[in-house]
Amino acid sequence: MSIWECCELLNDVVDDSDPDLDEPQIQHLLQSAEAIRKDYPNEDWLHLTALIHDLGKIIVLPKFGGLSQWAVVGDTFPVGCAFDESTIHHKYFKENQDYENPIYNTKNGIYSEVCGLENVMMSWGHDDYMYMVAKENGTTLPSAGLFIIRYHSFYPLHTKGAYKHLMNDEDKENLKWLHIFNKYDLYSKSKVHVNVEEVKPYYMSLIEKYFPAKLRW
C-alpha cells in the first residue's frame, strides 16, 4: 500500500481520544502539514512528517490487527525503567508488576544515562508502529522526522521534561523540532477544509522523494 492510500484509509479510523471527532482524519493531517508548510516553507521533510505522523492509527482497523484503543492511542512512555510521575494516570502503574521489580523500577532501569532514546523500548502505540514502518521501508526522512513520528505522543518528555537523562546529543537536537511540530498537531483542526485535490500533487512529490512507491505495512 502507498502512503497516500494509507492517508485515505485513515478516514475509517475513529480515535476516541480525539477532541474533534466530527472531521475526517485526512483533514487533520493536511491542516497540520499545510500550517507547517506556510511557516517553514523550506523544510519539506517536516511537511511530509506532519502528513504521515498519525498513519499508525490504522492498526485499530480489523485488516491491520484490530487493536484496542488503549494499545493504539494515548500518551506513550518508556518501559524497563521507573515510571515517571508526570505520566498521565501514573497511580495505575502500581498494579503493573514492573513497578516493584528492582530490575525495572530505578531511574535508569535496564538502560544507562545518555544511551539515546533509539535504544529505549517504548510502550506500544501508533507512534512506534509508524516509526517501524518508515524505517523498515527505507525512508530517507531525516532523523528529526523519525523522532517526531516516534515520540509525538511521548508527553512526559516533551511537555514535562521527564526521561531527559536517557537522551543523547542527537535526541536533544531532534527534540527542538518536536517542540515546533507540537504547535501544529494537537487541537490543530479547523472548520476550514484543505482542498485535497489541490494540495495532493505537492504531497505526492514528497512521498516519492522520501518513500518507495509501495510499503509493507
N, C-alpha and C. Protein backbone atom coordinates (compact mmCIF):
# COMPACT_ATOMS: atom_id res chain seq x y z
N MET A 1 0.86 -1.20 0.00
CA MET A 1 0.00 0.00 0.00
C MET A 1 0.88 1.24 0.00
N SER A 2 0.44 2.27 -0.70
CA SER A 2 1.21 3.51 -0.74
C SER A 2 0.89 4.39 0.47
N ILE A 3 1.72 5.39 0.69
CA ILE A 3 1.49 6.34 1.78
C ILE A 3 0.15 7.05 1.58
N TRP A 4 -0.12 7.50 0.37
CA TRP A 4 -1.37 8.24 0.15
C TRP A 4 -2.59 7.36 0.35
N GLU A 5 -2.51 6.11 -0.09
CA GLU A 5 -3.62 5.18 0.14
C GLU A 5 -3.87 5.01 1.64
N CYS A 6 -2.80 5.02 2.42
CA CYS A 6 -2.95 4.90 3.87
C CYS A 6 -3.59 6.16 4.45
N CYS A 7 -3.22 7.33 3.91
CA CYS A 7 -3.85 8.58 4.35
C CYS A 7 -5.36 8.52 4.16
N GLU A 8 -5.79 8.02 3.02
CA GLU A 8 -7.22 7.91 2.74
C GLU A 8 -7.88 6.87 3.64
N LEU A 9 -7.15 5.80 3.93
CA LEU A 9 -7.67 4.74 4.78
C LEU A 9 -7.89 5.23 6.21
N LEU A 10 -7.11 6.22 6.61
CA LEU A 10 -7.22 6.73 7.98
C LEU A 10 -8.59 7.36 8.24
N ASN A 11 -9.31 7.72 7.19
CA ASN A 11 -10.65 8.26 7.38
C ASN A 11 -11.61 7.24 7.99
N ASP A 12 -11.22 5.96 7.93
CA ASP A 12 -12.05 4.91 8.53
C ASP A 12 -11.75 4.71 10.01
N VAL A 13 -10.76 5.46 10.52
CA VAL A 13 -10.34 5.31 11.91
C VAL A 13 -11.04 6.33 12.80
N VAL A 14 -11.60 5.88 13.90
CA VAL A 14 -12.18 6.77 14.90
C VAL A 14 -11.30 6.70 16.15
N ASP A 15 -10.69 7.82 16.48
CA ASP A 15 -9.83 7.91 17.66
C ASP A 15 -10.65 8.50 18.80
N ASP A 16 -10.95 7.68 19.80
CA ASP A 16 -11.80 8.12 20.91
C ASP A 16 -11.17 9.24 21.74
N SER A 17 -9.84 9.39 21.64
CA SER A 17 -9.16 10.44 22.39
C SER A 17 -9.08 11.75 21.63
N ASP A 18 -9.57 11.74 20.39
CA ASP A 18 -9.52 12.93 19.54
C ASP A 18 -10.61 13.91 19.95
N PRO A 19 -10.26 15.18 20.24
CA PRO A 19 -11.27 16.14 20.66
C PRO A 19 -12.17 16.63 19.52
N ASP A 20 -11.80 16.29 18.27
CA ASP A 20 -12.57 16.76 17.12
C ASP A 20 -12.97 15.59 16.24
N LEU A 21 -13.86 14.76 16.73
CA LEU A 21 -14.21 13.53 16.04
C LEU A 21 -15.05 13.75 14.79
N ASP A 22 -15.57 14.95 14.61
CA ASP A 22 -16.51 15.16 13.51
C ASP A 22 -15.82 15.52 12.19
N GLU A 23 -14.50 15.59 12.19
CA GLU A 23 -13.77 15.92 10.97
C GLU A 23 -13.03 14.69 10.44
N PRO A 24 -12.95 14.53 9.11
CA PRO A 24 -12.18 13.41 8.55
C PRO A 24 -10.72 13.49 9.00
N GLN A 25 -10.12 12.35 9.27
CA GLN A 25 -8.74 12.31 9.74
C GLN A 25 -7.78 12.94 8.74
N ILE A 26 -8.05 12.76 7.45
CA ILE A 26 -7.13 13.30 6.44
C ILE A 26 -7.09 14.83 6.50
N GLN A 27 -8.18 15.43 6.98
CA GLN A 27 -8.18 16.88 7.13
C GLN A 27 -7.23 17.31 8.25
N HIS A 28 -7.19 16.56 9.33
CA HIS A 28 -6.25 16.86 10.41
C HIS A 28 -4.82 16.78 9.89
N LEU A 29 -4.53 15.72 9.13
CA LEU A 29 -3.18 15.55 8.59
C LEU A 29 -2.81 16.71 7.69
N LEU A 30 -3.70 17.06 6.78
CA LEU A 30 -3.40 18.11 5.82
C LEU A 30 -3.38 19.50 6.46
N GLN A 31 -4.26 19.73 7.42
CA GLN A 31 -4.25 21.03 8.09
C GLN A 31 -2.97 21.24 8.88
N SER A 32 -2.50 20.20 9.54
CA SER A 32 -1.23 20.29 10.25
C SER A 32 -0.09 20.53 9.27
N ALA A 33 -0.07 19.76 8.19
CA ALA A 33 1.01 19.85 7.22
C ALA A 33 1.02 21.21 6.52
N GLU A 34 -0.15 21.71 6.14
CA GLU A 34 -0.23 22.98 5.44
C GLU A 34 0.15 24.15 6.34
N ALA A 35 -0.19 24.06 7.62
CA ALA A 35 0.19 25.13 8.56
C ALA A 35 1.70 25.18 8.72
N ILE A 36 2.33 24.03 8.83
CA ILE A 36 3.79 23.97 8.94
C ILE A 36 4.44 24.42 7.63
N ARG A 37 3.86 24.01 6.53
CA ARG A 37 4.39 24.40 5.22
C ARG A 37 4.42 25.92 5.05
N LYS A 38 3.40 26.57 5.57
CA LYS A 38 3.32 28.03 5.48
C LYS A 38 4.42 28.71 6.29
N ASP A 39 4.68 28.17 7.50
CA ASP A 39 5.65 28.81 8.40
C ASP A 39 7.08 28.33 8.18
N TYR A 40 7.24 27.13 7.64
CA TYR A 40 8.57 26.57 7.38
C TYR A 40 8.63 26.06 5.94
N PRO A 41 8.58 26.98 4.97
CA PRO A 41 8.46 26.58 3.56
C PRO A 41 9.64 25.78 3.02
N ASN A 42 10.80 25.89 3.63
CA ASN A 42 11.98 25.22 3.11
C ASN A 42 12.24 23.85 3.73
N GLU A 43 11.40 23.45 4.67
CA GLU A 43 11.60 22.17 5.35
C GLU A 43 10.56 21.16 4.85
N ASP A 44 10.75 20.71 3.60
CA ASP A 44 9.73 19.83 3.02
C ASP A 44 9.58 18.52 3.79
N TRP A 45 10.65 18.03 4.41
CA TRP A 45 10.56 16.80 5.20
C TRP A 45 9.60 16.96 6.38
N LEU A 46 9.54 18.19 6.91
CA LEU A 46 8.66 18.46 8.04
C LEU A 46 7.20 18.49 7.59
N HIS A 47 6.96 18.96 6.37
CA HIS A 47 5.60 18.96 5.81
C HIS A 47 5.10 17.51 5.69
N LEU A 48 5.98 16.64 5.15
CA LEU A 48 5.59 15.24 4.97
C LEU A 48 5.44 14.53 6.31
N THR A 49 6.32 14.84 7.25
CA THR A 49 6.22 14.23 8.58
C THR A 49 4.88 14.56 9.22
N ALA A 50 4.44 15.80 9.08
CA ALA A 50 3.14 16.19 9.62
C ALA A 50 2.02 15.41 8.95
N LEU A 51 2.14 15.18 7.66
CA LEU A 51 1.11 14.45 6.93
C LEU A 51 0.98 13.00 7.41
N ILE A 52 2.10 12.37 7.73
CA ILE A 52 2.07 10.93 8.00
C ILE A 52 2.18 10.57 9.47
N HIS A 53 2.29 11.55 10.36
CA HIS A 53 2.64 11.23 11.76
C HIS A 53 1.61 10.33 12.45
N ASP A 54 0.34 10.39 12.04
CA ASP A 54 -0.70 9.59 12.69
C ASP A 54 -1.13 8.36 11.90
N LEU A 55 -0.42 8.04 10.82
CA LEU A 55 -0.87 6.92 9.98
C LEU A 55 -0.86 5.59 10.73
N GLY A 56 -0.07 5.49 11.78
CA GLY A 56 -0.02 4.26 12.55
C GLY A 56 -1.34 3.89 13.19
N LYS A 57 -2.28 4.82 13.26
CA LYS A 57 -3.58 4.54 13.86
C LYS A 57 -4.38 3.50 13.07
N ILE A 58 -3.92 3.15 11.88
CA ILE A 58 -4.63 2.13 11.09
C ILE A 58 -4.63 0.78 11.80
N ILE A 59 -3.79 0.60 12.82
CA ILE A 59 -3.77 -0.71 13.49
C ILE A 59 -5.02 -0.94 14.35
N VAL A 60 -5.93 0.03 14.41
CA VAL A 60 -7.23 -0.24 15.04
C VAL A 60 -8.17 -0.92 14.06
N LEU A 61 -7.86 -0.87 12.77
CA LEU A 61 -8.73 -1.47 11.76
C LEU A 61 -8.53 -2.99 11.73
N PRO A 62 -9.60 -3.75 11.52
CA PRO A 62 -9.51 -5.22 11.54
C PRO A 62 -8.43 -5.80 10.63
N LYS A 63 -8.27 -5.25 9.43
CA LYS A 63 -7.31 -5.82 8.49
C LYS A 63 -5.86 -5.56 8.90
N PHE A 64 -5.66 -4.66 9.89
CA PHE A 64 -4.31 -4.39 10.39
C PHE A 64 -4.15 -4.83 11.84
N GLY A 65 -5.00 -5.72 12.30
CA GLY A 65 -4.86 -6.27 13.64
C GLY A 65 -6.02 -5.97 14.56
N GLY A 66 -6.75 -4.89 14.29
CA GLY A 66 -7.91 -4.55 15.11
C GLY A 66 -7.59 -4.35 16.57
N LEU A 67 -6.49 -3.67 16.87
CA LEU A 67 -6.09 -3.48 18.26
C LEU A 67 -7.04 -2.53 18.99
N SER A 68 -7.13 -2.71 20.29
CA SER A 68 -7.98 -1.84 21.12
C SER A 68 -7.40 -0.44 21.21
N GLN A 69 -8.26 0.54 21.48
CA GLN A 69 -7.83 1.93 21.54
C GLN A 69 -6.67 2.14 22.52
N TRP A 70 -6.72 1.44 23.67
CA TRP A 70 -5.69 1.67 24.68
C TRP A 70 -4.30 1.26 24.18
N ALA A 71 -4.26 0.36 23.20
CA ALA A 71 -2.99 -0.11 22.67
C ALA A 71 -2.55 0.65 21.44
N VAL A 72 -3.29 1.68 21.07
CA VAL A 72 -3.01 2.41 19.82
C VAL A 72 -2.80 3.90 20.05
N VAL A 73 -3.70 4.52 20.82
CA VAL A 73 -3.64 5.98 21.00
C VAL A 73 -3.35 6.31 22.48
N GLY A 74 -3.13 7.57 22.75
CA GLY A 74 -2.83 7.99 24.11
C GLY A 74 -1.34 8.20 24.32
N ASP A 75 -0.98 8.69 25.50
CA ASP A 75 0.40 9.01 25.82
C ASP A 75 1.27 7.75 25.87
N THR A 76 2.52 7.90 25.43
CA THR A 76 3.48 6.80 25.49
C THR A 76 4.56 7.10 26.52
N PHE A 77 5.29 6.07 26.91
CA PHE A 77 6.30 6.20 27.96
C PHE A 77 7.29 5.04 27.84
N PRO A 78 8.49 5.20 28.37
CA PRO A 78 9.46 4.10 28.33
C PRO A 78 9.07 2.97 29.26
N VAL A 79 9.43 1.77 28.89
CA VAL A 79 9.34 0.62 29.78
C VAL A 79 10.76 0.13 30.04
N GLY A 80 10.94 -0.57 31.16
CA GLY A 80 12.28 -1.04 31.51
C GLY A 80 13.00 -0.14 32.49
N CYS A 81 12.31 0.93 32.91
CA CYS A 81 12.85 1.81 33.94
C CYS A 81 11.66 2.38 34.73
N ALA A 82 11.96 3.14 35.76
CA ALA A 82 10.89 3.65 36.63
C ALA A 82 9.88 4.48 35.85
N PHE A 83 8.61 4.32 36.17
CA PHE A 83 7.55 5.11 35.56
C PHE A 83 7.58 6.52 36.18
N ASP A 84 7.79 7.52 35.36
CA ASP A 84 7.85 8.88 35.89
C ASP A 84 6.46 9.37 36.30
N GLU A 85 6.41 10.12 37.39
CA GLU A 85 5.12 10.58 37.92
C GLU A 85 4.41 11.57 37.01
N SER A 86 5.12 12.11 36.02
CA SER A 86 4.48 13.05 35.09
C SER A 86 3.61 12.33 34.06
N THR A 87 3.74 11.00 33.97
CA THR A 87 2.93 10.24 33.03
C THR A 87 1.48 10.23 33.51
N ILE A 88 0.57 10.49 32.60
CA ILE A 88 -0.84 10.59 32.96
C ILE A 88 -1.33 9.29 33.62
N HIS A 89 -2.20 9.43 34.63
CA HIS A 89 -2.74 8.29 35.37
C HIS A 89 -1.64 7.42 35.99
N HIS A 90 -0.59 8.08 36.45
CA HIS A 90 0.57 7.38 36.99
C HIS A 90 0.19 6.38 38.09
N LYS A 91 -0.83 6.69 38.86
CA LYS A 91 -1.18 5.84 40.01
C LYS A 91 -1.49 4.40 39.60
N TYR A 92 -1.95 4.21 38.36
CA TYR A 92 -2.31 2.87 37.93
C TYR A 92 -1.11 1.99 37.63
N PHE A 93 0.08 2.60 37.53
CA PHE A 93 1.28 1.80 37.33
C PHE A 93 1.56 0.90 38.53
N LYS A 94 1.00 1.24 39.69
CA LYS A 94 1.24 0.44 40.89
C LYS A 94 0.70 -0.98 40.74
N GLU A 95 -0.21 -1.18 39.79
CA GLU A 95 -0.74 -2.50 39.53
C GLU A 95 0.05 -3.25 38.45
N ASN A 96 1.08 -2.59 37.92
CA ASN A 96 1.95 -3.21 36.92
C ASN A 96 3.08 -3.94 37.65
N GLN A 97 3.35 -5.17 37.29
CA GLN A 97 4.36 -5.95 38.00
C GLN A 97 5.76 -5.34 37.90
N ASP A 98 6.00 -4.53 36.85
CA ASP A 98 7.31 -3.88 36.73
C ASP A 98 7.53 -2.83 37.83
N TYR A 99 6.45 -2.35 38.41
CA TYR A 99 6.53 -1.27 39.40
C TYR A 99 7.37 -1.67 40.61
N GLU A 100 7.28 -2.94 41.01
CA GLU A 100 8.01 -3.43 42.18
C GLU A 100 9.26 -4.22 41.80
N ASN A 101 9.51 -4.39 40.54
CA ASN A 101 10.65 -5.18 40.09
C ASN A 101 11.93 -4.35 40.19
N PRO A 102 12.90 -4.76 41.01
CA PRO A 102 14.11 -3.97 41.21
C PRO A 102 14.95 -3.80 39.94
N ILE A 103 14.72 -4.66 38.95
CA ILE A 103 15.46 -4.52 37.69
C ILE A 103 14.92 -3.33 36.89
N TYR A 104 13.63 -3.05 37.04
CA TYR A 104 12.97 -2.05 36.21
C TYR A 104 12.55 -0.78 36.94
N ASN A 105 12.58 -0.74 38.26
CA ASN A 105 11.96 0.40 38.95
C ASN A 105 12.94 1.46 39.44
N THR A 106 14.17 1.44 38.92
CA THR A 106 15.11 2.52 39.22
C THR A 106 15.08 3.55 38.10
N LYS A 107 15.70 4.67 38.33
CA LYS A 107 15.68 5.77 37.35
C LYS A 107 16.17 5.31 35.98
N ASN A 108 17.28 4.58 35.94
CA ASN A 108 17.83 4.11 34.67
C ASN A 108 17.30 2.74 34.27
N GLY A 109 16.93 1.92 35.25
CA GLY A 109 16.44 0.58 34.94
C GLY A 109 17.45 -0.21 34.15
N ILE A 110 17.04 -0.75 33.01
CA ILE A 110 17.93 -1.57 32.18
C ILE A 110 18.80 -0.74 31.25
N TYR A 111 18.67 0.59 31.35
CA TYR A 111 19.42 1.47 30.46
C TYR A 111 20.57 2.16 31.20
N SER A 112 21.35 2.90 30.46
CA SER A 112 22.39 3.74 31.05
C SER A 112 22.11 5.18 30.65
N GLU A 113 22.57 6.11 31.44
CA GLU A 113 22.35 7.52 31.13
C GLU A 113 22.96 7.85 29.77
N VAL A 114 22.27 8.72 29.03
CA VAL A 114 22.71 9.20 27.72
C VAL A 114 22.84 8.04 26.72
N CYS A 115 22.05 6.99 26.90
CA CYS A 115 22.12 5.85 25.98
C CYS A 115 21.48 6.16 24.63
N GLY A 116 20.62 7.19 24.59
CA GLY A 116 19.92 7.53 23.36
C GLY A 116 18.55 6.89 23.32
N LEU A 117 17.53 7.67 22.99
CA LEU A 117 16.17 7.16 23.01
C LEU A 117 15.94 6.04 22.00
N GLU A 118 16.77 6.00 20.96
CA GLU A 118 16.63 4.93 19.97
C GLU A 118 16.83 3.56 20.62
N ASN A 119 17.57 3.54 21.73
CA ASN A 119 17.85 2.28 22.42
C ASN A 119 16.88 2.00 23.57
N VAL A 120 15.86 2.83 23.70
CA VAL A 120 14.88 2.69 24.77
C VAL A 120 13.60 2.07 24.21
N MET A 121 13.05 1.07 24.89
CA MET A 121 11.80 0.45 24.45
C MET A 121 10.63 1.29 24.97
N MET A 122 9.75 1.67 24.05
CA MET A 122 8.60 2.49 24.41
C MET A 122 7.34 1.63 24.51
N SER A 123 6.37 2.13 25.26
CA SER A 123 5.06 1.47 25.29
C SER A 123 4.50 1.45 23.88
N TRP A 124 3.74 0.42 23.56
CA TRP A 124 3.26 0.24 22.19
C TRP A 124 2.16 1.24 21.85
N GLY A 125 2.14 1.65 20.60
CA GLY A 125 1.10 2.55 20.12
C GLY A 125 1.31 2.88 18.66
N HIS A 126 0.49 3.80 18.15
CA HIS A 126 0.58 4.13 16.73
C HIS A 126 1.89 4.82 16.38
N ASP A 127 2.50 5.49 17.35
CA ASP A 127 3.78 6.16 17.09
C ASP A 127 4.86 5.16 16.71
N ASP A 128 5.06 4.16 17.57
CA ASP A 128 6.12 3.18 17.33
C ASP A 128 5.85 2.36 16.08
N TYR A 129 4.57 2.07 15.84
CA TYR A 129 4.24 1.29 14.64
C TYR A 129 4.64 2.04 13.37
N MET A 130 4.26 3.31 13.25
CA MET A 130 4.59 4.06 12.04
C MET A 130 6.09 4.30 11.93
N TYR A 131 6.74 4.48 13.06
CA TYR A 131 8.20 4.64 13.06
C TYR A 131 8.86 3.39 12.48
N MET A 132 8.39 2.21 12.89
CA MET A 132 8.95 0.97 12.39
C MET A 132 8.66 0.77 10.91
N VAL A 133 7.44 1.12 10.50
CA VAL A 133 7.09 1.02 9.09
C VAL A 133 8.02 1.89 8.24
N ALA A 134 8.23 3.12 8.69
CA ALA A 134 9.09 4.04 7.94
C ALA A 134 10.52 3.51 7.84
N LYS A 135 11.06 3.04 8.96
CA LYS A 135 12.43 2.55 8.97
C LYS A 135 12.58 1.28 8.13
N GLU A 136 11.66 0.35 8.31
CA GLU A 136 11.77 -0.93 7.60
C GLU A 136 11.61 -0.78 6.09
N ASN A 137 10.94 0.28 5.67
CA ASN A 137 10.74 0.51 4.24
C ASN A 137 11.78 1.46 3.66
N GLY A 138 12.80 1.79 4.45
CA GLY A 138 13.93 2.55 3.93
C GLY A 138 13.66 4.01 3.64
N THR A 139 12.82 4.67 4.45
CA THR A 139 12.58 6.09 4.22
C THR A 139 13.89 6.88 4.30
N THR A 140 13.94 7.98 3.57
CA THR A 140 15.09 8.87 3.63
C THR A 140 14.78 10.14 4.42
N LEU A 141 13.68 10.11 5.18
CA LEU A 141 13.41 11.23 6.08
C LEU A 141 14.59 11.42 7.03
N PRO A 142 14.93 12.65 7.39
CA PRO A 142 16.00 12.86 8.35
C PRO A 142 15.62 12.32 9.73
N SER A 143 16.60 12.18 10.60
CA SER A 143 16.35 11.60 11.91
C SER A 143 15.33 12.41 12.70
N ALA A 144 15.27 13.72 12.47
CA ALA A 144 14.29 14.55 13.18
C ALA A 144 12.87 14.16 12.80
N GLY A 145 12.66 13.79 11.54
CA GLY A 145 11.33 13.35 11.11
C GLY A 145 10.93 12.06 11.78
N LEU A 146 11.85 11.11 11.85
CA LEU A 146 11.57 9.84 12.52
C LEU A 146 11.35 10.05 14.01
N PHE A 147 12.09 10.98 14.58
CA PHE A 147 11.95 11.30 16.01
C PHE A 147 10.55 11.83 16.30
N ILE A 148 10.06 12.71 15.44
CA ILE A 148 8.71 13.26 15.61
C ILE A 148 7.66 12.16 15.51
N ILE A 149 7.81 11.30 14.51
CA ILE A 149 6.84 10.21 14.33
C ILE A 149 6.81 9.31 15.56
N ARG A 150 7.99 8.97 16.09
CA ARG A 150 8.05 8.01 17.19
C ARG A 150 7.68 8.60 18.55
N TYR A 151 7.90 9.89 18.74
CA TYR A 151 7.75 10.45 20.08
C TYR A 151 6.70 11.55 20.21
N HIS A 152 5.84 11.74 19.21
CA HIS A 152 4.89 12.86 19.32
C HIS A 152 3.84 12.62 20.40
N SER A 153 3.67 11.37 20.85
CA SER A 153 2.76 11.08 21.97
C SER A 153 3.51 10.88 23.29
N PHE A 154 4.80 11.11 23.28
CA PHE A 154 5.64 10.94 24.46
C PHE A 154 5.60 12.24 25.28
N TYR A 155 4.42 12.52 25.82
CA TYR A 155 4.20 13.79 26.52
C TYR A 155 5.03 13.96 27.79
N PRO A 156 5.35 12.90 28.54
CA PRO A 156 6.21 13.10 29.71
C PRO A 156 7.54 13.76 29.34
N LEU A 157 8.05 13.46 28.15
CA LEU A 157 9.30 14.07 27.70
C LEU A 157 9.10 15.49 27.23
N HIS A 158 8.22 15.68 26.23
CA HIS A 158 8.23 16.99 25.58
C HIS A 158 7.32 18.04 26.21
N THR A 159 6.57 17.65 27.25
CA THR A 159 5.83 18.68 27.99
C THR A 159 6.30 18.81 29.44
N LYS A 160 6.87 17.73 29.99
CA LYS A 160 7.29 17.75 31.40
C LYS A 160 8.80 17.63 31.59
N GLY A 161 9.52 17.31 30.52
CA GLY A 161 10.97 17.18 30.62
C GLY A 161 11.45 15.92 31.30
N ALA A 162 10.59 14.91 31.41
CA ALA A 162 10.97 13.65 32.04
C ALA A 162 11.83 12.81 31.10
N TYR A 163 12.63 11.94 31.66
CA TYR A 163 13.46 10.98 30.94
C TYR A 163 14.58 11.61 30.12
N LYS A 164 14.87 12.87 30.33
CA LYS A 164 15.93 13.52 29.55
C LYS A 164 17.30 12.93 29.82
N HIS A 165 17.44 12.25 30.96
CA HIS A 165 18.74 11.64 31.29
C HIS A 165 19.10 10.50 30.33
N LEU A 166 18.11 10.02 29.58
CA LEU A 166 18.36 8.94 28.62
C LEU A 166 18.72 9.47 27.23
N MET A 167 18.57 10.76 27.02
CA MET A 167 18.77 11.35 25.70
C MET A 167 20.26 11.57 25.40
N ASN A 168 20.61 11.39 24.12
CA ASN A 168 21.95 11.75 23.67
C ASN A 168 21.89 13.08 22.93
N ASP A 169 22.99 13.53 22.38
CA ASP A 169 23.04 14.85 21.75
C ASP A 169 22.10 14.95 20.54
N GLU A 170 22.02 13.86 19.76
CA GLU A 170 21.13 13.87 18.60
C GLU A 170 19.67 14.01 19.04
N ASP A 171 19.30 13.32 20.11
CA ASP A 171 17.94 13.43 20.65
C ASP A 171 17.63 14.88 21.04
N LYS A 172 18.58 15.54 21.65
CA LYS A 172 18.36 16.91 22.11
C LYS A 172 18.12 17.85 20.93
N GLU A 173 18.84 17.63 19.84
CA GLU A 173 18.62 18.45 18.64
C GLU A 173 17.26 18.14 18.03
N ASN A 174 16.91 16.87 17.98
CA ASN A 174 15.63 16.47 17.38
C ASN A 174 14.44 16.93 18.22
N LEU A 175 14.63 17.01 19.53
CA LEU A 175 13.55 17.46 20.40
C LEU A 175 13.13 18.88 20.07
N LYS A 176 14.05 19.70 19.60
CA LYS A 176 13.72 21.07 19.21
C LYS A 176 12.68 21.06 18.08
N TRP A 177 12.85 20.13 17.13
CA TRP A 177 11.90 20.03 16.03
C TRP A 177 10.56 19.47 16.50
N LEU A 178 10.61 18.57 17.47
CA LEU A 178 9.35 18.02 18.00
C LEU A 178 8.55 19.11 18.70
N HIS A 179 9.22 20.00 19.41
CA HIS A 179 8.52 21.12 20.05
C HIS A 179 7.87 22.02 19.01
N ILE A 180 8.55 22.23 17.90
CA ILE A 180 7.97 23.02 16.81
C ILE A 180 6.74 22.31 16.25
N PHE A 181 6.89 21.02 15.99
CA PHE A 181 5.79 20.23 15.42
C PHE A 181 4.56 20.25 16.31
N ASN A 182 4.76 20.14 17.61
CA ASN A 182 3.63 20.04 18.54
C ASN A 182 2.69 21.24 18.45
N LYS A 183 3.21 22.38 18.08
CA LYS A 183 2.38 23.58 17.97
C LYS A 183 1.33 23.43 16.87
N TYR A 184 1.60 22.52 15.94
CA TYR A 184 0.71 22.36 14.79
C TYR A 184 -0.11 21.07 14.85
N ASP A 185 0.09 20.28 15.88
CA ASP A 185 -0.54 18.97 15.94
C ASP A 185 -1.81 18.99 16.79
N LEU A 186 -1.67 18.98 18.09
CA LEU A 186 -2.82 18.87 18.98
C LEU A 186 -3.76 20.06 18.84
N TYR A 187 -5.04 19.77 18.70
CA TYR A 187 -6.08 20.80 18.57
C TYR A 187 -5.87 21.72 17.37
N SER A 188 -5.28 21.17 16.31
CA SER A 188 -4.99 22.00 15.13
C SER A 188 -6.12 21.98 14.11
N LYS A 189 -7.15 21.18 14.36
CA LYS A 189 -8.21 21.08 13.36
C LYS A 189 -8.99 22.39 13.22
N SER A 190 -9.41 22.61 11.99
CA SER A 190 -10.16 23.81 11.68
C SER A 190 -11.39 23.41 10.88
N LYS A 191 -12.42 24.25 10.94
CA LYS A 191 -13.62 24.01 10.14
C LYS A 191 -13.40 24.35 8.67
N VAL A 192 -12.31 25.08 8.40
CA VAL A 192 -11.97 25.41 7.01
C VAL A 192 -11.16 24.26 6.44
N HIS A 193 -11.74 23.51 5.53
CA HIS A 193 -11.09 22.33 4.99
C HIS A 193 -10.03 22.68 3.96
N VAL A 194 -8.98 21.85 3.93
CA VAL A 194 -7.97 21.94 2.89
C VAL A 194 -8.54 21.26 1.64
N ASN A 195 -8.31 21.88 0.48
CA ASN A 195 -8.72 21.29 -0.78
C ASN A 195 -7.76 20.15 -1.11
N VAL A 196 -8.21 18.93 -0.89
CA VAL A 196 -7.34 17.76 -1.00
C VAL A 196 -6.73 17.64 -2.39
N GLU A 197 -7.55 17.76 -3.43
CA GLU A 197 -7.05 17.59 -4.80
C GLU A 197 -6.07 18.68 -5.18
N GLU A 198 -6.21 19.84 -4.58
CA GLU A 198 -5.32 20.96 -4.89
C GLU A 198 -3.91 20.75 -4.34
N VAL A 199 -3.83 20.21 -3.13
CA VAL A 199 -2.51 20.04 -2.50
C VAL A 199 -1.92 18.65 -2.73
N LYS A 200 -2.73 17.73 -3.21
CA LYS A 200 -2.27 16.34 -3.38
C LYS A 200 -1.01 16.23 -4.23
N PRO A 201 -0.88 16.92 -5.36
CA PRO A 201 0.34 16.77 -6.17
C PRO A 201 1.62 17.12 -5.40
N TYR A 202 1.53 18.15 -4.56
CA TYR A 202 2.71 18.53 -3.78
C TYR A 202 3.11 17.42 -2.82
N TYR A 203 2.16 16.88 -2.09
CA TYR A 203 2.48 15.83 -1.12
C TYR A 203 2.85 14.51 -1.79
N MET A 204 2.28 14.26 -2.95
CA MET A 204 2.69 13.08 -3.70
C MET A 204 4.16 13.19 -4.11
N SER A 205 4.60 14.40 -4.44
CA SER A 205 6.01 14.60 -4.81
C SER A 205 6.93 14.36 -3.61
N LEU A 206 6.48 14.73 -2.43
CA LEU A 206 7.28 14.49 -1.22
C LEU A 206 7.32 13.01 -0.87
N ILE A 207 6.19 12.35 -1.02
CA ILE A 207 6.14 10.91 -0.77
C ILE A 207 7.12 10.18 -1.69
N GLU A 208 7.13 10.58 -2.97
CA GLU A 208 8.03 9.97 -3.94
C GLU A 208 9.49 10.24 -3.59
N LYS A 209 9.74 11.41 -3.02
CA LYS A 209 11.11 11.80 -2.66
C LYS A 209 11.64 10.99 -1.47
N TYR A 210 10.79 10.74 -0.49
CA TYR A 210 11.25 10.17 0.78
C TYR A 210 10.84 8.71 1.03
N PHE A 211 9.96 8.16 0.19
CA PHE A 211 9.47 6.80 0.42
C PHE A 211 9.42 6.02 -0.90
N PRO A 212 9.46 4.68 -0.84
CA PRO A 212 9.19 3.89 -2.04
C PRO A 212 7.72 4.00 -2.43
N ALA A 213 7.41 3.59 -3.65
CA ALA A 213 6.03 3.73 -4.15
C ALA A 213 5.05 2.90 -3.33
N LYS A 214 5.46 1.70 -2.94
CA LYS A 214 4.62 0.83 -2.13
C LYS A 214 5.39 0.41 -0.89
N LEU A 215 4.67 0.34 0.23
CA LEU A 215 5.29 -0.02 1.50
C LEU A 215 4.68 -1.31 2.03
N ARG A 216 5.48 -2.03 2.80
CA ARG A 216 4.97 -3.17 3.55
C ARG A 216 4.49 -2.64 4.90
N TRP A 217 3.24 -2.89 5.25
CA TRP A 217 2.66 -2.40 6.48
C TRP A 217 2.49 -3.53 7.49
